[in-house]
Protein backbone atom coordinates (compact mmCIF):
# COMPACT_ATOMS: atom_id res chain seq x y z
CA UNK A 1 115.30 174.93 90.89
CA UNK A 2 114.58 178.23 89.27
CA UNK A 3 117.41 180.22 87.62
CA UNK A 4 117.23 184.12 87.09
CA UNK A 5 119.44 185.81 84.35
CA UNK A 6 121.77 187.82 85.89
CA UNK A 7 123.01 189.92 82.80
CA UNK A 8 119.15 190.93 82.28
CA UNK A 9 119.01 191.57 86.15
CA UNK A 10 122.12 194.00 86.39
CA UNK A 11 121.16 195.31 82.90
CA UNK A 12 117.78 196.67 83.80
CA UNK A 13 119.34 198.12 87.39
CA UNK A 14 121.95 200.21 85.20
CA UNK A 15 119.01 201.29 83.07
CA UNK A 16 116.80 202.57 86.08
CA UNK A 17 120.17 204.17 87.30
CA UNK A 18 120.05 206.45 84.45
CA UNK A 19 117.04 208.31 85.15
CA UNK A 20 118.17 211.06 87.48
CA UNK A 21 122.04 209.89 87.28
CA UNK A 22 124.19 212.34 89.31
CA UNK A 23 127.80 211.16 89.08
CA UNK A 24 127.65 207.71 91.06
CA UNK A 25 124.35 208.78 92.65
CA UNK A 26 120.70 209.52 91.49
CA UNK A 27 118.38 211.92 92.18
CA UNK A 28 114.93 210.77 91.67
CA UNK A 29 112.77 212.40 94.21
CA UNK A 30 108.82 211.25 94.16
CA UNK A 31 107.01 212.77 91.61
CA UNK A 32 109.40 214.87 90.06
CA UNK A 33 109.54 214.53 86.00
CA UNK A 34 112.54 212.03 86.22
CA UNK A 35 110.74 209.95 88.60
CA UNK A 36 107.65 209.94 86.43
CA UNK A 37 109.43 209.12 83.52
CA UNK A 38 111.09 206.14 85.10
CA UNK A 39 107.62 205.04 86.06
CA UNK A 40 106.71 204.72 82.63
CA UNK A 41 109.73 202.92 81.56
CA UNK A 42 109.05 200.17 84.41
CA UNK A 43 105.52 200.09 83.01
CA UNK A 44 107.21 199.26 79.91
CA UNK A 45 109.03 196.46 81.59
CA UNK A 46 106.40 195.17 83.67
CA UNK A 47 104.32 194.82 80.22
CA UNK A 48 106.90 193.00 78.61
CA UNK A 49 106.97 190.30 81.31
CA UNK A 50 103.58 189.85 80.92
CA UNK A 51 102.04 191.35 83.58
CA UNK A 52 98.62 193.57 83.73
CA UNK A 53 100.15 197.20 84.67
CA UNK A 54 98.56 199.69 86.38
CA UNK A 55 99.64 203.41 87.72
CA UNK A 56 96.98 204.14 90.41
CA UNK A 57 96.10 207.78 91.59
CA UNK A 58 98.76 208.13 94.36
CA UNK A 59 101.55 207.04 91.56
CA UNK A 60 102.12 203.61 92.58
CA UNK A 61 103.38 200.94 89.71
CA UNK A 62 101.74 197.61 90.09
CA UNK A 63 101.90 194.65 87.60
CA UNK A 64 99.71 192.20 88.60
CA UNK A 65 99.93 188.17 87.31
CA UNK A 66 97.43 187.00 84.79
CA UNK A 67 97.78 183.64 86.26
CA UNK A 68 94.77 182.28 88.42
CA UNK A 69 94.84 181.75 92.05
CA UNK A 70 96.57 183.28 95.21
CA UNK A 71 99.60 185.60 94.19
CA UNK A 72 103.27 186.93 96.06
CA UNK A 73 102.92 190.31 96.13
CA UNK A 74 106.92 191.57 95.68
CA UNK A 75 108.14 195.22 95.41
CA UNK A 76 109.72 198.02 97.05
CA UNK A 77 110.41 201.78 95.82
CA UNK A 78 112.15 203.89 92.92
CA UNK A 79 112.20 207.17 94.46
CA UNK A 80 115.13 208.37 96.15
CA UNK A 81 116.30 211.12 98.85
CA UNK A 82 117.62 214.46 97.43
CA UNK A 83 120.97 212.93 97.16
CA UNK A 84 120.56 209.20 96.93
CA UNK A 85 121.92 206.20 96.00
CA UNK A 86 121.43 203.81 93.05
CA UNK A 87 120.12 200.77 94.57
CA UNK A 88 118.15 201.93 97.56
CA UNK A 89 114.55 200.46 96.88
CA UNK A 90 115.53 199.92 93.18
CA UNK A 91 117.43 196.90 93.92
CA UNK A 92 114.38 195.37 95.36
CA UNK A 93 111.76 196.36 92.75
CA UNK A 94 114.19 195.23 89.86
CA UNK A 95 114.60 192.05 91.75
CA UNK A 96 111.07 191.47 92.00
CA UNK A 97 110.84 191.87 88.14
CA UNK A 98 113.18 189.57 87.75
CA UNK A 99 111.86 186.95 90.06
CA UNK A 100 108.42 187.50 87.88
CA UNK A 101 110.13 186.80 84.81
CA UNK A 102 112.04 183.90 86.08
CA UNK A 103 109.01 181.90 87.64
CA UNK A 104 106.91 182.75 84.26
CA UNK A 105 109.88 181.32 82.13
CA UNK A 106 110.41 177.98 84.00
CA UNK A 107 108.20 174.97 83.06
CA UNK A 108 107.36 174.24 86.88
CA UNK A 109 106.40 177.63 88.11
CA UNK A 110 105.08 179.16 85.06
CA UNK A 111 101.35 178.88 86.10
CA UNK A 112 102.36 180.84 89.63
CA UNK A 113 100.90 184.33 90.44
CA UNK A 114 103.38 187.02 91.03
CA UNK A 115 102.49 190.69 91.45
CA UNK A 116 104.99 193.11 91.59
CA UNK A 117 105.12 197.00 92.68
CA UNK A 118 107.13 200.27 92.77
CA UNK A 119 105.36 202.19 95.73
CA UNK A 120 105.76 205.69 95.54
CA UNK A 121 107.42 208.22 97.75
CA UNK A 122 108.86 205.96 100.45
CA UNK A 123 111.71 208.20 101.35
CA UNK A 124 108.98 210.96 102.35
CA UNK A 125 109.43 213.99 99.68
CA UNK A 126 105.90 214.45 100.43
CA UNK A 127 104.77 211.75 103.17
CA UNK A 128 106.93 208.73 104.06
CA UNK A 129 105.79 205.16 103.00
CA UNK A 130 103.17 207.19 100.84
CA UNK A 131 102.30 204.33 98.19
CA UNK A 132 102.33 201.58 100.52
CA UNK A 133 100.11 202.91 103.23
CA UNK A 134 97.78 204.31 100.54
CA UNK A 135 97.39 200.76 99.16
CA UNK A 136 96.81 199.13 102.56
CA UNK A 137 94.21 201.92 103.44
CA UNK A 138 96.79 203.17 106.14
CA UNK A 139 96.79 206.80 105.42
CA UNK A 140 94.08 209.34 105.71
CA UNK A 141 92.41 211.93 103.18
CA UNK A 142 93.47 214.70 105.41
CA UNK A 143 97.08 213.61 105.47
CA UNK A 144 97.31 213.49 101.73
CA UNK A 145 95.68 216.88 101.59
CA UNK A 146 98.20 218.53 103.83
CA UNK A 147 101.46 216.79 102.65
CA UNK A 148 103.81 218.97 101.22
CA UNK A 149 107.33 218.88 99.73
CA UNK A 150 110.45 220.71 101.23
CA UNK A 151 109.89 223.76 98.76
CA UNK A 152 105.72 224.10 99.82
CA UNK A 153 104.40 222.01 96.48
CA UNK A 154 101.51 220.22 97.69
CA UNK A 155 101.12 216.54 97.09
CA UNK A 156 97.43 217.27 95.68
CA UNK A 157 99.22 219.75 93.27
CA UNK A 158 101.92 217.07 92.61
CA UNK A 159 99.45 214.47 91.82
CA UNK A 160 97.37 216.66 89.60
CA UNK A 161 100.28 217.69 87.47
CA UNK A 162 101.23 214.16 86.96
CA UNK A 163 97.86 213.62 85.54
CA UNK A 164 96.38 211.16 87.94
CA UNK A 165 93.98 213.27 89.87
CA UNK A 166 91.11 211.39 87.81
CA UNK A 167 92.93 207.83 88.22
CA UNK A 168 91.45 205.40 91.05
CA UNK A 169 93.48 204.77 93.86
CA UNK A 170 94.69 200.86 94.34
CA UNK A 171 93.71 198.88 97.62
CA UNK A 172 94.89 195.78 98.48
CA UNK A 173 92.67 192.67 98.61
CA UNK A 174 94.03 190.59 101.24
CA UNK A 175 92.46 187.06 100.02
CA UNK A 176 94.36 187.48 96.77
CA UNK A 177 98.02 187.27 98.72
CA UNK A 178 99.63 184.62 100.33
CA UNK A 179 102.46 186.87 101.64
CA UNK A 180 104.71 190.31 100.83
CA UNK A 181 108.15 189.85 100.03
CA UNK A 182 110.70 192.74 99.60
CA UNK A 183 114.71 192.78 98.78
CA UNK A 184 116.66 195.39 100.04
CA UNK A 185 120.48 196.42 100.15
CA UNK A 186 121.01 196.59 104.09
CA UNK A 187 122.07 200.41 104.23
CA UNK A 188 124.29 199.48 107.47
CA UNK A 189 127.37 197.49 108.14
CA UNK A 190 126.26 194.45 109.82
CA UNK A 191 126.57 191.98 107.02
CA UNK A 192 130.09 193.50 105.90
CA UNK A 193 131.29 193.13 109.51
CA UNK A 194 129.98 189.79 110.03
CA UNK A 195 131.74 188.81 106.45
CA UNK A 196 128.13 187.42 105.19
CA UNK A 197 126.37 187.98 101.94
CA UNK A 198 122.62 187.36 102.71
CA UNK A 199 120.70 188.96 105.64
CA UNK A 200 117.51 187.26 106.47
CA UNK A 201 115.52 190.06 108.31
CA UNK A 202 113.86 189.34 111.80
CA UNK A 203 112.29 192.72 112.55
CA UNK A 204 111.98 196.37 111.48
CA UNK A 205 112.79 198.51 114.28
CA UNK A 206 110.15 200.88 115.72
CA UNK A 207 110.83 204.53 115.72
CA UNK A 208 110.13 207.46 118.21
CA UNK A 209 111.18 211.15 117.58
CA UNK A 210 111.08 214.19 119.89
CA UNK A 211 111.60 217.93 119.68
CA UNK A 212 113.11 219.39 123.12
CA UNK A 213 112.73 223.39 123.29
CA UNK A 214 115.12 224.97 125.70
CA UNK A 215 114.05 228.96 126.70
CA UNK A 216 116.80 231.10 128.72
CA UNK A 217 117.37 234.45 128.18
CA UNK A 218 119.35 235.85 125.48
CA UNK A 219 122.21 238.53 126.98
CA UNK A 220 125.85 239.51 126.41
CA UNK A 221 128.26 237.04 126.07
CA UNK A 222 131.09 239.42 127.70
CA UNK A 223 129.14 241.29 130.38
CA UNK A 224 126.85 238.58 131.98
CA UNK A 225 128.65 236.68 134.75
CA UNK A 226 128.26 232.79 134.41
CA UNK A 227 126.31 232.31 137.40
CA UNK A 228 123.75 234.74 136.46
CA UNK A 229 123.42 233.35 132.80
CA UNK A 230 120.04 231.63 131.93
CA UNK A 231 121.65 229.91 128.30
CA UNK A 232 119.60 227.73 126.60
CA UNK A 233 122.67 226.49 124.43
CA UNK A 234 124.78 225.17 127.67
CA UNK A 235 121.40 223.48 128.89
CA UNK A 236 120.84 221.50 125.49
CA UNK A 237 124.58 220.53 125.65
CA UNK A 238 124.32 218.88 129.46
CA UNK A 239 120.81 217.30 128.80
CA UNK A 240 122.25 215.94 125.46
CA UNK A 241 125.26 214.49 127.46
CA UNK A 242 123.16 213.05 129.95
CA UNK A 243 120.76 211.43 127.66
CA UNK A 244 124.06 209.97 125.68
CA UNK A 245 125.25 208.47 129.33
CA UNK A 246 121.65 207.01 130.31
CA UNK A 247 121.08 205.57 127.20
CA UNK A 248 124.66 203.73 127.23
CA UNK A 249 123.54 202.18 130.48
CA UNK A 250 120.15 200.87 129.26
CA UNK A 251 120.29 200.11 125.64
CA UNK A 252 120.11 196.74 123.78
CA UNK A 253 122.70 195.18 121.00
CA UNK A 254 120.63 196.83 118.48
CA UNK A 255 119.65 200.00 119.73
CA UNK A 256 120.60 203.37 118.15
CA UNK A 257 119.86 207.04 119.07
CA UNK A 258 120.56 210.29 117.23
CA UNK A 259 120.69 213.84 118.02
CA UNK A 260 120.03 215.05 114.50
CA UNK A 261 119.31 218.58 114.64
CA UNK A 262 120.27 221.33 117.41
CA UNK A 263 119.82 224.92 116.78
CA UNK A 264 121.06 227.97 118.89
CA UNK A 265 119.37 231.44 118.89
CA UNK A 266 120.30 234.00 117.79
CA UNK A 267 123.44 232.01 116.90
CA UNK A 268 126.14 234.44 117.67
CA UNK A 269 129.54 233.77 119.55
CA UNK A 270 128.96 237.54 121.27
CA UNK A 271 125.42 236.56 122.71
CA UNK A 272 124.07 233.91 125.21
CA UNK A 273 121.41 231.86 123.19
CA UNK A 274 118.04 232.69 124.75
CA UNK A 275 116.51 229.70 122.68
CA UNK A 276 117.83 226.38 121.48
CA UNK A 277 116.07 223.29 120.03
CA UNK A 278 117.29 219.40 119.53
CA UNK A 279 115.51 217.09 117.55
CA UNK A 280 116.42 213.35 118.97
CA UNK A 281 115.41 209.74 117.73
CA UNK A 282 115.87 206.46 118.94
CA UNK A 283 115.18 202.96 117.31
CA UNK A 284 114.85 199.45 118.62
CA UNK A 285 112.95 196.19 117.55
CA UNK A 286 111.89 195.67 121.20
CA UNK A 287 108.96 197.95 122.15
CA UNK A 288 109.76 197.47 125.86
CA UNK A 289 112.83 199.03 125.59
CA UNK A 290 111.73 202.01 123.39
CA UNK A 291 109.39 202.67 126.14
CA UNK A 292 112.30 202.46 129.00
CA UNK A 293 114.18 204.98 126.84
CA UNK A 294 111.26 207.18 126.28
CA UNK A 295 110.69 207.06 130.18
CA UNK A 296 114.56 207.71 130.82
CA UNK A 297 114.01 210.78 128.29
CA UNK A 298 111.11 212.34 130.38
CA UNK A 299 112.68 211.82 133.65
CA UNK A 300 115.77 213.66 132.33
CA UNK A 301 113.92 216.51 131.12
CA UNK A 302 111.74 216.84 134.28
CA UNK A 303 115.46 216.75 136.40
CA UNK A 304 116.48 219.42 134.13
CA UNK A 305 113.47 221.53 134.52
CA UNK A 306 114.00 221.40 138.38
CA UNK A 307 117.71 222.35 138.09
CA UNK A 308 116.72 225.27 135.70
CA UNK A 309 117.33 228.30 135.30
CA UNK A 310 116.35 227.31 131.75
CA UNK A 311 112.70 226.27 130.89
CA UNK A 312 112.43 222.97 128.94
CA UNK A 313 109.88 221.57 126.93
CA UNK A 314 109.26 218.15 124.94
CA UNK A 315 106.82 217.01 122.41
CA UNK A 316 106.61 213.96 120.35
CA UNK A 317 107.22 214.39 116.51
CA UNK A 318 104.72 212.42 114.84
CA UNK A 319 103.28 209.33 116.21
CA UNK A 320 105.43 206.34 117.42
CA UNK A 321 106.35 204.00 114.86
CA UNK A 322 105.89 200.06 116.11
CA UNK A 323 108.25 197.63 115.45
CA UNK A 324 107.32 195.02 112.93
CA UNK A 325 108.06 191.42 112.78
CA UNK A 326 108.61 189.45 109.99
CA UNK A 327 107.14 185.97 109.46
CA UNK A 328 108.76 182.99 110.93
CA UNK A 329 107.52 181.05 108.34
CA UNK A 330 108.70 182.79 105.43
CA UNK A 331 111.86 183.49 107.48
CA UNK A 332 112.43 179.76 107.04
CA UNK A 333 112.17 179.70 103.29
CA UNK A 334 114.49 182.67 103.01
CA UNK A 335 116.82 180.58 105.15
CA UNK A 336 116.90 177.31 103.25
CA UNK A 337 117.10 179.58 99.58
CA UNK A 338 120.26 181.05 101.28
CA UNK A 339 121.87 177.90 102.53
CA UNK A 340 121.11 176.16 99.16
CA UNK A 341 123.04 178.98 97.27
CA UNK A 342 125.41 180.59 100.08
CA UNK A 343 125.87 177.76 102.65
CA UNK A 344 126.72 179.15 105.87
CA UNK A 345 127.03 182.97 104.30
CA UNK A 346 123.65 184.20 106.01
CA UNK A 347 122.43 185.68 109.05
CA UNK A 348 119.55 186.55 110.76
CA UNK A 349 119.00 190.11 111.44
CA UNK A 350 117.01 193.32 112.17
CA UNK A 351 116.63 196.10 109.85
CA UNK A 352 117.48 199.51 111.54
CA UNK A 353 115.81 201.15 109.04
CA UNK A 354 112.23 201.45 107.84
CA UNK A 355 110.85 199.79 104.56
CA UNK A 356 107.66 199.42 102.86
CA UNK A 357 107.30 195.97 104.39
CA UNK A 358 106.67 197.45 107.57
CA UNK A 359 103.48 198.93 106.25
CA UNK A 360 102.21 195.03 105.37
CA UNK A 361 103.42 193.35 108.19
CA UNK A 362 99.93 193.59 110.12
CA UNK A 363 98.01 192.83 106.91
CA UNK A 364 100.09 189.71 105.02
CA UNK A 365 102.61 187.37 106.37
CA UNK A 366 105.89 189.52 105.23
CA UNK A 367 109.62 188.95 104.93
CA UNK A 368 112.65 190.48 103.83
CA UNK A 369 115.95 189.71 102.48
CA UNK A 370 119.16 192.21 102.47
CA UNK A 371 122.42 192.12 100.51
CA UNK A 372 125.44 194.04 101.71
CA UNK A 373 126.19 197.87 101.32
CA UNK A 374 129.76 198.56 100.66
CA UNK A 375 131.19 200.07 103.65
CA UNK A 376 127.82 200.11 105.51
CA UNK A 377 126.90 203.52 103.19
CA UNK A 378 123.28 204.60 101.89
CA UNK A 379 121.64 207.56 101.22
CA UNK A 380 124.72 208.86 99.51
CA UNK A 381 125.97 208.92 96.18
CA UNK A 382 128.55 206.83 97.07
CA UNK A 383 126.12 203.81 98.01
CA UNK A 384 126.77 200.50 95.99
CA UNK A 385 126.82 196.73 96.22
CA UNK A 386 129.08 194.28 94.42
CA UNK A 387 127.34 192.91 91.35
CA UNK A 388 127.94 189.13 92.71
CA UNK A 389 125.91 190.12 95.80
CA UNK A 390 123.01 191.70 94.01
CA UNK A 391 122.84 188.44 91.90
CA UNK A 392 123.26 186.06 94.58
CA UNK A 393 120.76 188.07 96.63
CA UNK A 394 118.11 187.76 93.41
CA UNK A 395 119.01 184.35 93.16
CA UNK A 396 117.97 183.52 96.80
CA UNK A 397 114.94 185.59 96.41
CA UNK A 398 113.69 183.57 93.46
CA UNK A 399 114.17 180.44 95.04
CA UNK A 400 112.33 181.21 98.40
CA UNK A 401 109.54 182.98 96.03
CA UNK A 402 109.32 179.63 94.42
CA UNK A 403 109.24 177.76 97.63
CA UNK A 404 106.84 180.16 99.20
CA UNK A 405 104.26 179.75 96.32
CA UNK A 406 104.71 175.81 96.26
CA UNK A 407 103.96 175.62 100.01
CA UNK A 408 100.80 178.09 99.92
CA UNK A 409 99.26 177.65 96.30
């Protein structure tokens, strides 16, 4: 039985929190100076742990075990949203670091190989899941060349400013690894609602996003009779209501859908909108259900176009993101570890958020572990997790890692 050092784990998490601290939260967006500074700090911590550390040409920080034999790859990300919480991603990186140290310090596991990583720009400041996709060879040079942040800074410029333009980009050697593991805060309220403290992730949801554009006729709000209006705004509202009603009838237990952005133009209370836009996204771990949602959406748009009098167009926002399924065997290792340290205090559950783990799932056996988010809050300065849950999660993670390595190497 390997035993982590809780004080060391928590001390490192709080030290990392200082990089970009903003009240209770953190602002540490990818390639910002504070992000780059935090990566240098992390390089130092990995080096102290006896790892051979490299920062690659895309900004990934990877600590390679000096032990021989196949390795377990563990990691997450340390960049944040523009207004982020202190644990989103960081918990996984520091937990991986603590597991690597713990296994090296135990006579029973010190010869096992554990590599750990902080993947660059998971949050999408320039390009979502950038570091893990780059490491797995899943991103094209064209995407990297065209990526920009919200201020217009290109990714190429950011890489150059960080001094990484001449640094080689790391690529995965699948033969080196037995599996990929990632620990994370849940970012939702399922664990809190179930009054459980460990989540064993079964799958990461697929995501599909769409932009709908409504084109009517701009006119005077006081002099245009209702029966003569071509009101793009009302057409949007009616369709949004129909989408919600239909989706409630066909959704599964874990399906979610969000209309996250609407825009009326020209945006005055005295003008009938001639143009409106809506962004819709839906998520589920079942591809068949996602197909049903998409088909229903296109049927509703076709019906709205037929009814008129407003023209409606629809286009996908990027390629659909397929569901990623976690390895059954690895889940069993995590379940046994959870039952050892927290008997009956765990559940199997899907992840409603995307993670770096979804990039690895079709390359390596992959698994994730969740700990609760207080109030189910994340992507928010108020994000937090109880220290005892952080410690429990890391201990379960360490026990599972040792078990996986024993079984596979």
